[in-house]
């Protein structure tokens, strides 16, 4: 089974339950597991080196990244930069009226502006169906 690393800021995560649940359902159809880093791990403020080491290891073990940046987040930008350097495919998602990150946009393979969780799911499916490297073994 392939894994998609999902990058989102911890502070913004609480606002995205519907989108993440819909993404999990959508990706499961392609035998892709969505790894939501901020849901899987908890770190204290003095564990920043351990946190980034584990994040980079999880990115290394993932087939591609999906990053949610409706609100800009430095940590997610670091994850994008690392994945870009490792030549991992990156899908940048953001709500339709959110500000665009040109830095992240310049590193990503696909940019999706979505209206709601259902629109997001439709757009992700289009990308997956277009790019067989995201779901083929």
N, C-alpha and C. Protein backbone atom coordinates (compact mmCIF):
# COMPACT_ATOMS: atom_id res chain seq x y z
N UNK A 1 0.84 -1.18 0.00
CA UNK A 1 0.00 0.00 0.00
C UNK A 1 0.88 1.25 0.00
N UNK A 2 0.54 2.21 -0.84
CA UNK A 2 1.25 3.47 -0.87
C UNK A 2 0.76 4.38 0.26
N UNK A 3 1.60 5.33 0.60
CA UNK A 3 1.26 6.30 1.63
C UNK A 3 1.42 7.70 1.08
N UNK A 4 0.46 8.55 1.39
CA UNK A 4 0.55 9.98 1.09
C UNK A 4 0.75 10.70 2.42
N UNK A 5 1.81 11.45 2.53
CA UNK A 5 2.08 12.26 3.71
C UNK A 5 1.23 13.52 3.61
N UNK A 6 0.49 13.82 4.67
CA UNK A 6 -0.36 15.01 4.67
C UNK A 6 0.24 16.05 5.61
N UNK A 7 0.64 17.18 5.04
CA UNK A 7 1.21 18.26 5.82
C UNK A 7 0.19 19.36 6.06
N UNK A 8 0.02 19.71 7.32
CA UNK A 8 -0.86 20.80 7.72
C UNK A 8 -0.34 21.29 9.08
N UNK A 9 -0.50 22.56 9.35
CA UNK A 9 -0.04 23.07 10.65
C UNK A 9 -0.93 22.52 11.76
N UNK A 10 -0.30 22.29 12.90
CA UNK A 10 -1.05 21.76 14.04
C UNK A 10 -2.17 22.73 14.45
N UNK A 11 -1.89 24.02 14.40
CA UNK A 11 -2.91 25.00 14.81
C UNK A 11 -4.07 25.06 13.83
N UNK A 12 -3.84 24.75 12.57
CA UNK A 12 -4.90 24.81 11.57
C UNK A 12 -5.64 23.48 11.42
N UNK A 13 -5.08 22.42 11.96
CA UNK A 13 -5.63 21.07 11.79
C UNK A 13 -7.08 20.97 12.26
N UNK A 14 -7.44 21.62 13.34
CA UNK A 14 -8.79 21.49 13.91
C UNK A 14 -9.89 21.94 12.96
N UNK A 15 -9.54 22.73 11.97
CA UNK A 15 -10.52 23.24 11.02
C UNK A 15 -10.73 22.35 9.80
N UNK A 16 -10.07 21.21 9.73
CA UNK A 16 -10.06 20.43 8.50
C UNK A 16 -10.49 18.97 8.65
N UNK A 17 -11.33 18.68 9.63
CA UNK A 17 -11.80 17.30 9.80
C UNK A 17 -12.53 16.78 8.57
N UNK A 18 -13.44 17.58 8.02
CA UNK A 18 -14.24 17.12 6.87
C UNK A 18 -13.34 16.83 5.67
N UNK A 19 -12.41 17.73 5.40
CA UNK A 19 -11.52 17.56 4.26
C UNK A 19 -10.64 16.32 4.42
N UNK A 20 -10.08 16.14 5.62
CA UNK A 20 -9.19 15.00 5.85
C UNK A 20 -9.96 13.69 5.77
N UNK A 21 -11.13 13.64 6.36
CA UNK A 21 -11.94 12.42 6.28
C UNK A 21 -12.31 12.09 4.84
N UNK A 22 -12.65 13.11 4.07
CA UNK A 22 -12.99 12.90 2.66
C UNK A 22 -11.76 12.44 1.86
N UNK A 23 -10.61 13.02 2.14
CA UNK A 23 -9.38 12.60 1.47
C UNK A 23 -9.05 11.14 1.79
N UNK A 24 -9.21 10.75 3.04
CA UNK A 24 -8.94 9.35 3.42
C UNK A 24 -9.82 8.39 2.62
N UNK A 25 -11.10 8.71 2.50
CA UNK A 25 -12.03 7.88 1.73
C UNK A 25 -11.62 7.82 0.26
N UNK A 26 -11.33 8.96 -0.29
CA UNK A 26 -10.96 9.06 -1.70
C UNK A 26 -9.70 8.25 -1.99
N UNK A 27 -8.66 8.44 -1.18
CA UNK A 27 -7.39 7.76 -1.42
C UNK A 27 -7.49 6.25 -1.18
N UNK A 28 -8.33 5.84 -0.26
CA UNK A 28 -8.50 4.41 0.02
C UNK A 28 -8.94 3.64 -1.23
N UNK A 29 -9.68 4.30 -2.11
CA UNK A 29 -10.11 3.66 -3.37
C UNK A 29 -8.92 3.26 -4.23
N UNK A 30 -7.80 3.94 -4.03
CA UNK A 30 -6.59 3.68 -4.80
C UNK A 30 -5.54 2.93 -3.97
N UNK A 31 -5.96 2.40 -2.83
CA UNK A 31 -5.06 1.71 -1.89
C UNK A 31 -3.92 2.62 -1.44
N UNK A 32 -4.27 3.86 -1.12
CA UNK A 32 -3.31 4.84 -0.61
C UNK A 32 -3.75 5.24 0.79
N UNK A 33 -2.85 5.11 1.73
CA UNK A 33 -3.12 5.53 3.11
C UNK A 33 -2.69 6.99 3.28
N UNK A 34 -3.53 7.78 3.94
CA UNK A 34 -3.20 9.17 4.23
C UNK A 34 -2.60 9.25 5.63
N UNK A 35 -1.33 9.66 5.71
CA UNK A 35 -0.66 9.80 6.99
C UNK A 35 -0.70 11.27 7.38
N UNK A 36 -1.50 11.58 8.38
CA UNK A 36 -1.61 12.95 8.88
C UNK A 36 -0.63 13.08 10.04
N UNK A 37 0.52 13.68 9.76
CA UNK A 37 1.62 13.72 10.72
C UNK A 37 1.19 14.29 12.07
N UNK A 38 0.46 15.41 12.06
CA UNK A 38 0.08 16.05 13.33
C UNK A 38 -0.93 15.22 14.12
N UNK A 39 -1.61 14.28 13.47
CA UNK A 39 -2.52 13.38 14.19
C UNK A 39 -1.78 12.18 14.76
N UNK A 40 -0.74 11.76 14.09
CA UNK A 40 -0.03 10.55 14.47
C UNK A 40 0.97 10.78 15.61
N UNK A 41 1.55 11.98 15.68
CA UNK A 41 2.63 12.24 16.63
C UNK A 41 2.33 13.45 17.51
N UNK A 42 2.84 13.39 18.73
CA UNK A 42 2.80 14.51 19.68
C UNK A 42 4.23 14.78 20.15
N UNK A 43 4.63 16.02 20.18
CA UNK A 43 5.97 16.39 20.62
C UNK A 43 5.88 17.56 21.60
N UNK A 44 6.81 17.60 22.52
CA UNK A 44 6.92 18.75 23.42
C UNK A 44 7.82 19.79 22.75
N UNK A 45 7.85 20.99 23.29
CA UNK A 45 8.60 22.08 22.66
C UNK A 45 10.11 21.82 22.63
N UNK A 46 10.61 20.94 23.50
CA UNK A 46 12.05 20.66 23.49
C UNK A 46 12.40 19.44 22.62
N UNK A 47 11.45 18.95 21.85
CA UNK A 47 11.69 17.79 20.99
C UNK A 47 11.71 18.15 19.51
N UNK A 48 12.11 19.37 19.20
CA UNK A 48 12.04 19.81 17.80
C UNK A 48 12.94 19.01 16.87
N UNK A 49 14.12 18.63 17.31
CA UNK A 49 15.00 17.83 16.46
C UNK A 49 14.41 16.45 16.20
N UNK A 50 13.87 15.83 17.23
CA UNK A 50 13.22 14.52 17.07
C UNK A 50 12.01 14.64 16.14
N UNK A 51 11.22 15.70 16.30
CA UNK A 51 10.05 15.90 15.46
C UNK A 51 10.43 15.98 13.98
N UNK A 52 11.43 16.79 13.67
CA UNK A 52 11.81 16.95 12.27
C UNK A 52 12.46 15.69 11.72
N UNK A 53 13.22 14.99 12.54
CA UNK A 53 13.82 13.73 12.10
C UNK A 53 12.74 12.72 11.73
N UNK A 54 11.71 12.63 12.55
CA UNK A 54 10.61 11.69 12.29
C UNK A 54 9.80 12.16 11.08
N UNK A 55 9.57 13.47 10.97
CA UNK A 55 8.84 13.98 9.81
C UNK A 55 9.58 13.65 8.53
N UNK A 56 10.89 13.87 8.50
CA UNK A 56 11.66 13.57 7.29
C UNK A 56 11.66 12.08 6.98
N UNK A 57 11.73 11.26 8.01
CA UNK A 57 11.67 9.80 7.81
C UNK A 57 10.32 9.39 7.22
N UNK A 58 9.25 9.98 7.73
CA UNK A 58 7.91 9.66 7.20
C UNK A 58 7.77 10.14 5.75
N UNK A 59 8.33 11.29 5.44
CA UNK A 59 8.31 11.78 4.05
C UNK A 59 9.10 10.83 3.15
N UNK A 60 10.27 10.40 3.63
CA UNK A 60 11.08 9.44 2.86
C UNK A 60 10.29 8.17 2.55
N UNK A 61 9.47 7.73 3.50
CA UNK A 61 8.72 6.48 3.35
C UNK A 61 7.39 6.66 2.61
N UNK A 62 7.04 7.89 2.28
CA UNK A 62 5.78 8.17 1.58
C UNK A 62 6.01 8.22 0.08
N UNK A 63 4.95 7.93 -0.65
CA UNK A 63 5.03 7.98 -2.12
C UNK A 63 4.92 9.40 -2.63
N UNK A 64 4.12 10.22 -1.95
CA UNK A 64 3.95 11.62 -2.34
C UNK A 64 3.41 12.41 -1.17
N UNK A 65 3.37 13.73 -1.34
CA UNK A 65 2.87 14.64 -0.30
C UNK A 65 1.62 15.35 -0.77
N UNK A 66 0.74 15.58 0.18
CA UNK A 66 -0.37 16.51 0.00
C UNK A 66 -0.20 17.52 1.13
N UNK A 67 -0.17 18.80 0.79
CA UNK A 67 -0.03 19.82 1.82
C UNK A 67 -1.20 20.79 1.74
N UNK A 68 -1.78 21.07 2.89
CA UNK A 68 -2.90 22.01 3.00
C UNK A 68 -2.35 23.32 3.52
N UNK A 69 -2.44 24.35 2.69
CA UNK A 69 -1.89 25.65 3.08
C UNK A 69 -2.88 26.77 2.84
N UNK A 70 -4.11 26.59 3.31
CA UNK A 70 -5.06 27.69 3.26
C UNK A 70 -4.58 28.82 4.17
N UNK A 71 -3.83 28.44 5.21
CA UNK A 71 -3.12 29.40 6.05
C UNK A 71 -1.66 29.00 6.00
N UNK A 72 -0.82 29.95 5.69
CA UNK A 72 0.61 29.66 5.54
C UNK A 72 1.17 29.12 6.85
N UNK A 73 2.12 28.18 6.70
CA UNK A 73 2.74 27.55 7.87
C UNK A 73 4.20 27.23 7.54
N UNK A 74 5.10 27.76 8.32
CA UNK A 74 6.53 27.58 8.07
C UNK A 74 6.91 26.10 8.09
N UNK A 75 6.40 25.35 9.05
CA UNK A 75 6.74 23.93 9.16
C UNK A 75 6.33 23.15 7.92
N UNK A 76 5.16 23.45 7.39
CA UNK A 76 4.70 22.77 6.17
C UNK A 76 5.60 23.18 5.00
N UNK A 77 6.04 24.41 4.98
CA UNK A 77 6.98 24.85 3.94
C UNK A 77 8.29 24.08 4.00
N UNK A 78 8.77 23.80 5.22
CA UNK A 78 9.99 23.00 5.39
C UNK A 78 9.76 21.59 4.85
N UNK A 79 8.59 21.01 5.15
CA UNK A 79 8.27 19.68 4.64
C UNK A 79 8.25 19.66 3.11
N UNK A 80 7.67 20.70 2.52
CA UNK A 80 7.63 20.81 1.06
C UNK A 80 9.05 20.89 0.50
N UNK A 81 9.88 21.73 1.09
CA UNK A 81 11.27 21.86 0.62
C UNK A 81 12.02 20.54 0.69
N UNK A 82 11.84 19.82 1.79
CA UNK A 82 12.50 18.53 1.94
C UNK A 82 12.01 17.55 0.88
N UNK A 83 10.70 17.46 0.71
CA UNK A 83 10.13 16.54 -0.28
C UNK A 83 10.57 16.92 -1.69
N UNK A 84 10.63 18.21 -1.98
CA UNK A 84 11.07 18.68 -3.29
C UNK A 84 12.52 18.23 -3.54
N UNK A 85 13.37 18.39 -2.53
CA UNK A 85 14.77 17.98 -2.65
C UNK A 85 14.89 16.47 -2.86
N UNK A 86 13.95 15.72 -2.31
CA UNK A 86 13.93 14.25 -2.46
C UNK A 86 13.18 13.81 -3.71
N UNK A 87 12.72 14.77 -4.51
CA UNK A 87 12.00 14.52 -5.76
C UNK A 87 10.71 13.73 -5.57
N UNK A 88 10.02 14.03 -4.48
CA UNK A 88 8.71 13.43 -4.22
C UNK A 88 7.64 14.27 -4.91
N UNK A 89 6.65 13.64 -5.51
CA UNK A 89 5.53 14.43 -6.05
C UNK A 89 4.81 15.17 -4.92
N UNK A 90 4.39 16.40 -5.19
CA UNK A 90 3.75 17.23 -4.17
C UNK A 90 2.47 17.82 -4.74
N UNK A 91 1.38 17.67 -3.97
CA UNK A 91 0.10 18.26 -4.31
C UNK A 91 -0.20 19.34 -3.27
N UNK A 92 -0.34 20.56 -3.72
CA UNK A 92 -0.61 21.71 -2.86
C UNK A 92 -2.10 21.99 -2.94
N UNK A 93 -2.79 21.93 -1.80
CA UNK A 93 -4.22 22.21 -1.76
C UNK A 93 -4.47 23.43 -0.86
N UNK A 94 -5.48 24.20 -1.26
CA UNK A 94 -5.88 25.35 -0.44
C UNK A 94 -7.32 25.70 -0.78
N UNK A 95 -7.98 26.29 0.17
CA UNK A 95 -9.35 26.73 -0.05
C UNK A 95 -9.34 27.81 -1.13
N UNK A 96 -10.43 27.88 -1.87
CA UNK A 96 -10.52 28.73 -3.07
C UNK A 96 -10.10 30.18 -2.84
N UNK A 97 -10.49 30.79 -1.76
CA UNK A 97 -10.20 32.21 -1.55
C UNK A 97 -8.98 32.47 -0.67
N UNK A 98 -8.24 31.43 -0.33
CA UNK A 98 -7.06 31.58 0.52
C UNK A 98 -5.90 32.18 -0.29
N UNK A 99 -5.00 32.85 0.42
CA UNK A 99 -3.81 33.40 -0.23
C UNK A 99 -2.96 32.27 -0.79
N UNK A 100 -2.30 32.57 -1.89
CA UNK A 100 -1.44 31.60 -2.56
C UNK A 100 0.00 31.76 -2.09
N UNK A 101 0.67 30.65 -1.83
CA UNK A 101 2.09 30.67 -1.50
C UNK A 101 2.88 30.42 -2.78
N UNK A 102 3.55 31.45 -3.28
CA UNK A 102 4.34 31.28 -4.50
C UNK A 102 5.54 30.36 -4.26
N UNK A 103 6.08 30.39 -3.06
CA UNK A 103 7.22 29.53 -2.73
C UNK A 103 6.81 28.06 -2.82
N UNK A 104 5.71 27.72 -2.17
CA UNK A 104 5.22 26.33 -2.21
C UNK A 104 4.74 25.99 -3.62
N UNK A 105 4.03 26.91 -4.24
CA UNK A 105 3.55 26.69 -5.60
C UNK A 105 4.69 26.38 -6.57
N UNK A 106 5.83 27.01 -6.35
CA UNK A 106 6.98 26.79 -7.21
C UNK A 106 7.63 25.43 -7.03
N UNK A 107 7.29 24.74 -5.95
CA UNK A 107 7.88 23.42 -5.68
C UNK A 107 6.92 22.27 -5.97
N UNK A 108 5.67 22.57 -6.23
CA UNK A 108 4.68 21.51 -6.31
C UNK A 108 4.38 21.08 -7.73
N UNK A 109 3.88 19.87 -7.85
CA UNK A 109 3.50 19.31 -9.14
C UNK A 109 2.06 19.68 -9.51
N UNK A 110 1.21 19.80 -8.49
CA UNK A 110 -0.20 20.08 -8.72
C UNK A 110 -0.68 21.07 -7.67
N UNK A 111 -1.54 22.00 -8.09
CA UNK A 111 -2.16 22.95 -7.17
C UNK A 111 -3.66 22.80 -7.32
N UNK A 112 -4.33 22.59 -6.19
CA UNK A 112 -5.79 22.45 -6.18
C UNK A 112 -6.38 23.51 -5.28
N UNK A 113 -7.26 24.32 -5.85
CA UNK A 113 -8.05 25.27 -5.07
C UNK A 113 -9.45 24.68 -4.97
N UNK A 114 -9.90 24.43 -3.76
CA UNK A 114 -11.17 23.72 -3.59
C UNK A 114 -12.20 24.57 -2.85
N UNK A 115 -13.47 24.24 -3.10
CA UNK A 115 -14.58 24.96 -2.48
C UNK A 115 -15.08 24.28 -1.22
N UNK A 116 -15.06 22.94 -1.20
CA UNK A 116 -15.51 22.16 -0.04
C UNK A 116 -14.86 20.78 -0.13
N UNK A 117 -15.13 19.94 0.85
CA UNK A 117 -14.47 18.63 0.90
C UNK A 117 -14.82 17.75 -0.30
N UNK A 118 -16.01 17.89 -0.85
CA UNK A 118 -16.41 17.07 -2.00
C UNK A 118 -15.70 17.52 -3.27
N UNK A 119 -15.60 18.82 -3.44
CA UNK A 119 -14.85 19.37 -4.58
C UNK A 119 -13.39 18.96 -4.47
N UNK A 120 -12.82 19.00 -3.27
CA UNK A 120 -11.44 18.58 -3.05
C UNK A 120 -11.25 17.13 -3.47
N UNK A 121 -12.16 16.28 -3.05
CA UNK A 121 -12.08 14.86 -3.39
C UNK A 121 -12.12 14.65 -4.91
N UNK A 122 -13.00 15.36 -5.58
CA UNK A 122 -13.10 15.26 -7.05
C UNK A 122 -11.79 15.68 -7.71
N UNK A 123 -11.21 16.77 -7.23
CA UNK A 123 -9.98 17.29 -7.83
C UNK A 123 -8.79 16.36 -7.56
N UNK A 124 -8.73 15.80 -6.36
CA UNK A 124 -7.66 14.84 -6.04
C UNK A 124 -7.77 13.62 -6.95
N UNK A 125 -9.00 13.13 -7.15
CA UNK A 125 -9.19 11.98 -8.04
C UNK A 125 -8.72 12.29 -9.45
N UNK A 126 -8.98 13.49 -9.94
CA UNK A 126 -8.52 13.88 -11.27
C UNK A 126 -7.00 13.81 -11.35
N UNK A 127 -6.33 14.31 -10.33
CA UNK A 127 -4.86 14.29 -10.30
C UNK A 127 -4.35 12.86 -10.26
N UNK A 128 -4.93 12.04 -9.40
CA UNK A 128 -4.48 10.65 -9.28
C UNK A 128 -4.71 9.88 -10.58
N UNK A 129 -5.85 10.11 -11.21
CA UNK A 129 -6.12 9.42 -12.47
C UNK A 129 -5.21 9.92 -13.60
N UNK A 130 -4.80 11.17 -13.53
CA UNK A 130 -3.91 11.74 -14.54
C UNK A 130 -2.48 11.26 -14.36
N UNK A 131 -2.06 11.06 -13.13
CA UNK A 131 -0.66 10.73 -12.82
C UNK A 131 -0.59 9.34 -12.19
N UNK A 132 -0.39 8.33 -13.00
CA UNK A 132 -0.41 6.95 -12.51
C UNK A 132 0.72 6.66 -11.53
N UNK A 133 1.77 7.47 -11.50
CA UNK A 133 2.86 7.24 -10.54
C UNK A 133 2.40 7.43 -9.11
N UNK A 134 1.29 8.14 -8.92
CA UNK A 134 0.78 8.37 -7.57
C UNK A 134 0.09 7.14 -6.99
N UNK A 135 -0.41 6.27 -7.85
CA UNK A 135 -1.17 5.12 -7.32
C UNK A 135 -0.70 3.77 -7.82
N UNK A 136 0.16 3.71 -8.80
CA UNK A 136 0.64 2.43 -9.30
C UNK A 136 1.86 1.97 -8.51
N UNK A 137 1.97 0.69 -8.33
CA UNK A 137 3.15 0.14 -7.64
C UNK A 137 4.32 -0.02 -8.58
